Protein backbone atom coordinates (compact mmCIF):
# COMPACT_ATOMS: atom_id res chain seq x y z
CA MET A 1 -4.21 -18.66 -130.00
CA SER A 2 -2.68 -17.92 -127.06
CA ALA A 3 1.20 -16.99 -127.08
CA ALA A 4 1.82 -19.41 -123.90
CA TRP A 5 0.88 -22.96 -124.35
CA PRO A 6 0.10 -24.83 -121.87
CA THR A 7 -2.61 -21.69 -121.89
CA TYR A 8 -2.60 -21.74 -118.07
CA LEU A 9 1.39 -20.74 -118.24
CA GLY A 10 -0.14 -17.51 -119.85
CA LEU A 11 -1.45 -16.48 -115.95
CA PRO A 12 0.90 -15.63 -113.23
CA LEU A 13 0.66 -17.95 -110.15
CA ALA A 14 -1.07 -15.27 -108.25
CA GLU A 15 -4.10 -15.24 -110.45
CA LEU A 16 -3.73 -19.16 -110.25
CA ARG A 17 -4.17 -19.14 -106.27
CA ARG A 18 -6.75 -16.31 -106.79
CA ARG A 19 -8.73 -18.46 -108.41
CA ALA A 20 -8.53 -21.42 -106.52
CA ALA A 21 -8.42 -19.68 -102.85
CA GLU A 22 -12.17 -17.83 -104.72
CA ALA A 23 -13.81 -21.23 -106.00
CA ILE A 24 -12.14 -23.02 -102.67
CA ALA A 25 -14.02 -20.13 -100.51
CA GLY A 26 -17.86 -21.07 -102.66
CA LEU A 27 -17.76 -24.87 -100.87
CA ALA A 28 -18.79 -23.19 -98.08
CA SER A 29 -22.11 -22.66 -100.24
CA CYS A 30 -21.67 -25.09 -102.52
CA VAL A 31 -22.86 -23.80 -106.44
CA ALA A 32 -20.16 -25.68 -108.01
CA CYS A 33 -21.98 -27.22 -110.46
CA PRO A 34 -26.02 -26.80 -112.38
CA ARG A 35 -27.05 -28.92 -108.76
CA ASN A 36 -26.63 -25.96 -106.72
CA CYS A 37 -26.85 -27.70 -103.72
CA ARG A 38 -25.62 -25.29 -101.05
CA VAL A 39 -23.89 -27.66 -98.66
CA ASN A 40 -21.11 -26.50 -96.77
CA ARG A 41 -18.30 -29.04 -98.29
CA LEU A 42 -15.99 -27.13 -96.33
CA GLU A 43 -17.65 -28.93 -93.00
CA GLY A 44 -17.59 -32.07 -95.16
CA LYS A 45 -20.52 -31.87 -95.87
CA THR A 46 -21.95 -33.76 -99.13
CA ALA A 47 -25.31 -33.83 -101.57
CA VAL A 48 -25.91 -35.22 -104.89
CA CYS A 49 -21.76 -35.28 -105.71
CA LYS A 50 -21.22 -36.91 -102.02
CA THR A 51 -17.67 -35.02 -102.37
CA GLY A 52 -16.56 -33.38 -99.47
CA ARG A 53 -13.90 -30.90 -98.96
CA TYR A 54 -11.42 -32.76 -101.01
CA ALA A 55 -11.08 -34.99 -104.40
CA ARG A 56 -11.65 -38.26 -104.48
CA VAL A 57 -9.59 -40.22 -107.05
CA ALA A 58 -9.92 -44.01 -108.58
CA SER A 59 -6.70 -44.41 -110.46
CA CYS A 60 -4.43 -42.37 -112.76
CA PHE A 61 -2.35 -43.47 -115.63
CA PRO A 62 -1.82 -43.29 -119.11
CA HIS A 63 -4.65 -44.02 -120.93
CA PHE A 64 -4.12 -45.39 -124.56
CA GLY A 65 -7.67 -45.66 -125.54
CA GLU A 66 -8.61 -42.16 -125.84
CA GLU A 67 -8.55 -40.35 -129.01
CA ASP A 68 -5.51 -40.64 -131.48
CA CYS A 69 -4.77 -36.90 -130.96
CA LEU A 70 -5.08 -37.02 -127.17
CA ARG A 71 -3.20 -40.19 -126.38
CA GLY A 72 -0.55 -40.04 -128.96
CA TRP A 73 2.57 -42.60 -128.70
CA ASN A 74 3.17 -42.03 -124.87
CA GLY A 75 -0.72 -42.09 -123.61
CA SER A 76 -3.42 -39.69 -122.18
CA GLY A 77 -2.30 -38.62 -118.31
CA THR A 78 -5.11 -39.97 -117.10
CA ILE A 79 -6.91 -38.99 -113.15
CA PHE A 80 -10.54 -40.22 -112.62
CA LEU A 81 -12.08 -38.36 -110.69
CA SER A 82 -14.64 -40.29 -108.36
CA TRP A 83 -18.20 -39.62 -107.83
CA CYS A 84 -20.34 -37.62 -110.07
CA ASN A 85 -23.04 -34.50 -110.23
CA LEU A 86 -25.25 -36.84 -112.86
CA ARG A 87 -26.79 -40.06 -111.88
CA CYS A 88 -26.57 -42.45 -115.71
CA VAL A 89 -28.61 -45.42 -115.08
CA PHE A 90 -25.92 -46.65 -118.19
CA CYS A 91 -22.54 -45.38 -116.73
CA GLN A 92 -19.84 -47.40 -118.00
CA ASN A 93 -17.65 -47.05 -114.81
CA PHE A 94 -20.42 -47.29 -112.37
CA ASP A 95 -18.43 -48.39 -109.26
CA ILE A 96 -16.73 -44.96 -109.68
CA SER A 97 -18.93 -42.31 -110.55
CA GLN A 98 -22.00 -43.26 -107.94
CA GLN A 99 -20.37 -46.28 -105.63
CA GLY A 100 -17.32 -43.57 -105.48
CA MET A 101 -14.05 -46.23 -105.74
CA GLY A 102 -10.55 -43.96 -104.43
CA ALA A 103 -8.90 -42.52 -102.33
CA GLU A 104 -9.52 -39.14 -100.82
CA THR A 105 -6.35 -36.44 -102.12
CA GLY A 106 -5.34 -33.40 -101.20
CA PRO A 107 -4.09 -30.92 -103.65
CA GLU A 108 -0.51 -31.62 -102.74
CA ARG A 109 -1.09 -35.09 -104.16
CA LEU A 110 -3.34 -34.07 -106.87
CA ALA A 111 -0.44 -32.10 -107.81
CA GLY A 112 1.71 -34.77 -107.82
CA MET A 113 -0.04 -37.27 -109.68
CA MET A 114 0.27 -34.80 -112.57
CA LEU A 115 3.64 -34.25 -112.09
CA GLU A 116 4.12 -38.04 -111.97
CA LEU A 117 2.06 -37.97 -115.32
CA GLN A 118 4.40 -35.75 -117.39
CA ALA A 119 7.65 -37.69 -115.67
CA ARG A 120 6.03 -40.84 -117.51
CA GLY A 121 5.91 -38.94 -121.03
CA CYS A 122 2.40 -38.51 -121.24
CA HIS A 123 1.06 -35.64 -123.93
CA ASN A 124 -2.01 -33.95 -121.72
CA ILE A 125 -3.24 -34.11 -118.10
CA ASN A 126 -6.52 -35.84 -118.68
CA LEU A 127 -9.01 -34.88 -115.52
CA VAL A 128 -12.33 -37.71 -116.33
CA THR A 129 -15.53 -36.58 -114.43
CA PRO A 130 -13.86 -33.15 -113.18
CA GLU A 131 -17.74 -31.37 -112.78
CA HIS A 132 -17.73 -31.21 -109.21
CA VAL A 133 -14.00 -30.85 -107.74
CA VAL A 134 -13.00 -27.89 -110.30
CA PRO A 135 -12.10 -25.99 -106.83
CA GLN A 136 -10.34 -28.66 -105.92
CA ILE A 137 -8.41 -29.02 -109.02
CA LEU A 138 -7.82 -24.97 -109.20
CA GLU A 139 -6.61 -26.10 -105.65
CA ALA A 140 -3.97 -28.55 -106.94
CA LEU A 141 -2.68 -26.50 -110.32
CA PRO A 142 -0.42 -23.65 -108.73
CA ILE A 143 1.27 -26.38 -106.68
CA ALA A 144 1.63 -28.59 -109.98
CA VAL A 145 2.96 -25.63 -111.50
CA GLU A 146 5.75 -24.53 -109.41
CA GLY A 147 6.56 -28.04 -109.25
CA GLY A 148 7.82 -27.83 -113.19
CA LEU A 149 3.64 -29.10 -114.54
CA ARG A 150 3.85 -28.23 -118.64
CA LEU A 151 1.50 -30.01 -119.98
CA PRO A 152 -2.11 -28.93 -121.52
CA LEU A 153 -4.82 -29.74 -119.53
CA VAL A 154 -7.83 -31.63 -120.44
CA TYR A 155 -11.56 -31.22 -119.29
CA ASN A 156 -13.02 -34.29 -119.73
CA THR A 157 -17.08 -33.96 -118.64
CA GLY A 158 -20.24 -35.25 -119.32
CA ALA A 159 -21.46 -31.33 -119.80
CA TYR A 160 -23.11 -30.83 -116.77
CA ASP A 161 -20.77 -28.25 -115.81
CA GLY A 162 -21.90 -24.91 -114.06
CA MET A 163 -21.42 -21.60 -115.85
CA GLU A 164 -19.21 -20.46 -112.78
CA SER A 165 -16.65 -23.33 -112.79
CA LEU A 166 -16.30 -22.79 -116.44
CA ARG A 167 -15.46 -19.05 -115.13
CA HIS A 168 -13.15 -19.86 -113.21
CA LEU A 169 -11.23 -22.03 -115.84
CA ASP A 170 -11.43 -19.77 -118.76
CA GLY A 171 -7.37 -19.15 -119.65
CA ILE A 172 -6.97 -22.40 -117.70
CA VAL A 173 -8.30 -25.28 -119.69
CA ASP A 174 -6.76 -26.25 -123.25
CA ILE A 175 -8.77 -28.93 -124.48
CA TYR A 176 -12.66 -29.04 -123.50
CA MET A 177 -14.02 -32.67 -123.92
CA PRO A 178 -17.43 -32.78 -123.24
CA ASP A 179 -20.31 -35.45 -123.85
CA PHE A 180 -23.47 -34.37 -125.16
CA LYS A 181 -25.54 -37.35 -123.88
CA PHE A 182 -29.28 -36.39 -124.67
CA TRP A 183 -31.76 -33.93 -126.61
CA ASP A 184 -34.73 -34.78 -124.24
CA ARG A 185 -35.37 -33.09 -120.95
CA GLU A 186 -37.57 -35.87 -119.93
CA ARG A 187 -34.89 -38.66 -121.14
CA SER A 188 -32.52 -36.66 -119.54
CA LEU A 189 -34.77 -37.09 -116.26
CA LYS A 190 -35.38 -40.76 -116.61
CA TYR A 191 -31.92 -41.78 -117.63
CA LEU A 192 -29.91 -38.87 -116.23
CA ARG A 193 -31.70 -37.91 -112.80
CA ALA A 194 -31.38 -34.40 -114.11
CA ARG A 195 -33.91 -32.78 -116.43
CA ASP A 196 -32.33 -29.90 -117.17
CA TYR A 197 -29.50 -31.67 -118.74
CA PRO A 198 -30.15 -30.35 -122.60
CA GLU A 199 -30.40 -26.71 -121.78
CA VAL A 200 -27.13 -27.21 -119.03
CA ALA A 201 -25.03 -28.73 -122.11
CA ARG A 202 -26.05 -26.03 -124.93
CA ALA A 203 -25.02 -23.28 -122.81
CA ALA A 204 -21.98 -24.98 -121.35
CA ILE A 205 -20.68 -26.27 -124.75
CA LYS A 206 -21.11 -23.23 -125.95
CA GLU A 207 -19.14 -21.20 -123.18
CA MET A 208 -16.25 -23.78 -123.94
CA HIS A 209 -16.29 -23.16 -127.49
CA ARG A 210 -15.84 -19.46 -126.63
CA GLN A 211 -12.88 -19.90 -124.39
CA VAL A 212 -10.97 -22.36 -126.80
CA GLY A 213 -12.30 -22.75 -130.25
CA ASP A 214 -12.59 -25.16 -132.73
CA LEU A 215 -9.58 -27.97 -132.21
CA VAL A 216 -6.19 -27.41 -133.34
CA LEU A 217 -3.96 -30.21 -134.31
CA ASP A 218 -0.17 -29.96 -134.34
CA GLY A 219 2.44 -31.83 -136.64
CA ALA A 220 2.19 -34.37 -134.71
CA GLY A 221 -1.79 -35.17 -134.76
CA LEU A 222 -1.79 -34.03 -130.64
CA ALA A 223 -4.42 -32.09 -129.69
CA ARG A 224 -3.38 -28.44 -129.07
CA ARG A 225 -6.18 -26.59 -127.83
CA GLY A 226 -9.96 -26.57 -128.60
CA LEU A 227 -13.07 -28.16 -128.12
CA LEU A 228 -13.62 -32.18 -128.95
CA VAL A 229 -16.93 -32.89 -128.50
CA ARG A 230 -18.17 -36.83 -127.58
CA HIS A 231 -21.59 -38.26 -128.67
CA LEU A 232 -22.43 -41.61 -127.48
CA VAL A 233 -24.99 -43.31 -129.77
CA MET A 234 -28.29 -45.25 -127.92
CA PRO A 235 -30.42 -48.20 -128.61
CA GLY A 236 -33.42 -47.06 -130.60
CA GLY A 237 -31.49 -43.25 -131.22
CA ILE A 238 -33.47 -41.66 -128.14
CA ALA A 239 -30.58 -39.93 -127.04
CA GLY A 240 -31.62 -37.13 -130.11
CA THR A 241 -28.54 -37.22 -132.07
CA ARG A 242 -29.70 -36.07 -134.86
CA GLU A 243 -30.69 -32.57 -133.08
CA ILE A 244 -27.62 -32.72 -131.04
CA MET A 245 -25.56 -32.66 -134.95
CA ARG A 246 -27.61 -29.96 -135.46
CA PHE A 247 -26.64 -27.89 -132.93
CA LEU A 248 -23.20 -28.61 -132.69
CA ALA A 249 -22.91 -27.57 -136.67
CA GLU A 250 -25.44 -24.14 -136.58
CA GLU A 251 -25.26 -23.33 -133.09
CA VAL A 252 -21.28 -24.41 -132.10
CA SER A 253 -19.29 -24.50 -135.59
CA ARG A 254 -19.49 -26.60 -138.67
CA ASP A 255 -15.94 -27.48 -137.64
CA THR A 256 -16.42 -28.74 -134.58
CA TYR A 257 -14.04 -31.91 -133.85
CA VAL A 258 -17.15 -35.29 -133.45
CA ASN A 259 -16.46 -38.56 -131.89
CA VAL A 260 -19.54 -40.13 -132.69
CA MET A 261 -19.07 -43.79 -130.29
CA ASP A 262 -20.97 -46.85 -131.08
CA GLN A 263 -19.54 -48.63 -127.68
CA TYR A 264 -22.87 -48.51 -125.76
CA TYR A 265 -23.61 -52.00 -124.34
CA PRO A 266 -26.08 -52.20 -121.00
CA ALA A 267 -24.14 -52.05 -117.58
CA GLY A 268 -24.76 -49.60 -114.32
CA ARG A 269 -28.89 -50.15 -113.23
CA VAL A 270 -29.79 -50.89 -116.94
CA SER A 271 -30.11 -54.68 -116.49
CA ARG A 272 -30.89 -54.60 -112.69
CA GLU A 273 -33.55 -51.90 -113.02
CA LYS A 274 -35.12 -52.97 -115.99
CA PHE A 275 -34.74 -50.25 -118.66
CA PRO A 276 -35.39 -52.82 -121.75
CA GLU A 277 -35.20 -50.61 -123.98
CA ILE A 278 -31.26 -49.85 -123.74
CA ASN A 279 -30.69 -53.06 -122.42
CA ARG A 280 -29.35 -54.21 -125.92
CA ARG A 281 -25.56 -52.62 -127.83
CA ILE A 282 -26.67 -50.63 -131.14
CA SER A 283 -27.00 -51.88 -134.44
CA GLY A 284 -24.70 -51.29 -136.92
CA ALA A 285 -27.74 -49.68 -138.84
CA GLU A 286 -28.22 -47.13 -135.89
CA TYR A 287 -24.31 -46.23 -136.09
CA ALA A 288 -24.23 -45.75 -139.23
CA GLU A 289 -27.48 -43.16 -138.91
CA ALA A 290 -25.72 -41.12 -136.59
CA ILE A 291 -23.16 -40.86 -139.20
CA ARG A 292 -25.91 -39.93 -141.70
CA ALA A 293 -27.02 -37.48 -139.46
CA ALA A 294 -23.70 -35.75 -138.72
CA ARG A 295 -22.92 -35.60 -142.17
CA GLU A 296 -26.11 -34.18 -142.90
CA ALA A 297 -25.79 -31.70 -139.93
CA GLY A 298 -22.56 -30.10 -142.16
CA LEU A 299 -20.31 -31.69 -139.56
CA HIS A 300 -17.04 -33.09 -141.13
CA ARG A 301 -14.51 -33.59 -138.56
CA LEU A 302 -15.86 -36.83 -137.36
CA ASP A 303 -13.63 -39.42 -135.42
CA ARG A 304 -15.65 -43.06 -135.31
CA ARG A 305 -12.79 -44.57 -133.41
CA ARG A 306 -14.05 -46.16 -129.60
CA ALA A 307 -12.81 -44.16 -126.78
CA LEU A 308 -11.91 -46.82 -124.15
CA LEU A 309 -13.76 -45.29 -120.71
CA ARG A 310 -12.42 -48.09 -118.17
CA PRO A 311 -9.88 -47.30 -116.58
CA LEU A 312 -6.84 -49.84 -116.36
CA ALA A 313 -4.85 -49.28 -113.76
CA ILE A 314 -4.40 -48.17 -110.25
């Protein structure tokens, strides 16, 4: 573990500013995520993520529905970033991720949100759906550090992350919290609108683990540094839970901390666009099978609590 904690405090402000400037300059031909759209976001042009020069924020509040090791007793300081580079047909935050609820937010205001959450006693800064706005987050961070930010950063992602963005975040993020949604390419295309999702997620999660290692908790049970993987169990086992658990155990670490989530319900486009195979909640037997798959793969750090994804306040 780094001697400085949070990790970004081990970097000079000049380095934080250098990375931010490099990432922002890259928006002129954007490859911040695997979509590689190459539009000029500095001029406000948009493509898949529908986000131009500045990030859009839907809400900012202490979140008490996250994993115990994140929410603690004062909540996880959650910033829900609007829009997304995936198009999950079942998204439970559809109005945020695909309708863009929220307001455009410059770096000073984004830094101010981080400081406000710290002042409210939150245990960390939890950046939700950050994949497409890594440059904007990096731009806000030095401002927040100058203002006294001292909380660990949680990168709460769908795992459709660009390697260039992850390179910029090395030595900055303390806790990576990726979803691993689907194992199969065709199902990823059908349900996420991203055929290459499985290989991107595998590479991203391995890189995240390289940077921060297995999840470390402090004496109070709070996450201090490391990787925490979420996996949402889908009806009929279509997510490929067994393959995902085997990958985590064999290619990442048997000590990977995994939250196997049972909270799936039909949302987003599921009912309207007729996806009958996922137009229901999962059964107890399906969830038990997912837990069994994780254990049989050799994973032993399983969090079986639900993670509440809906933002509660604005």
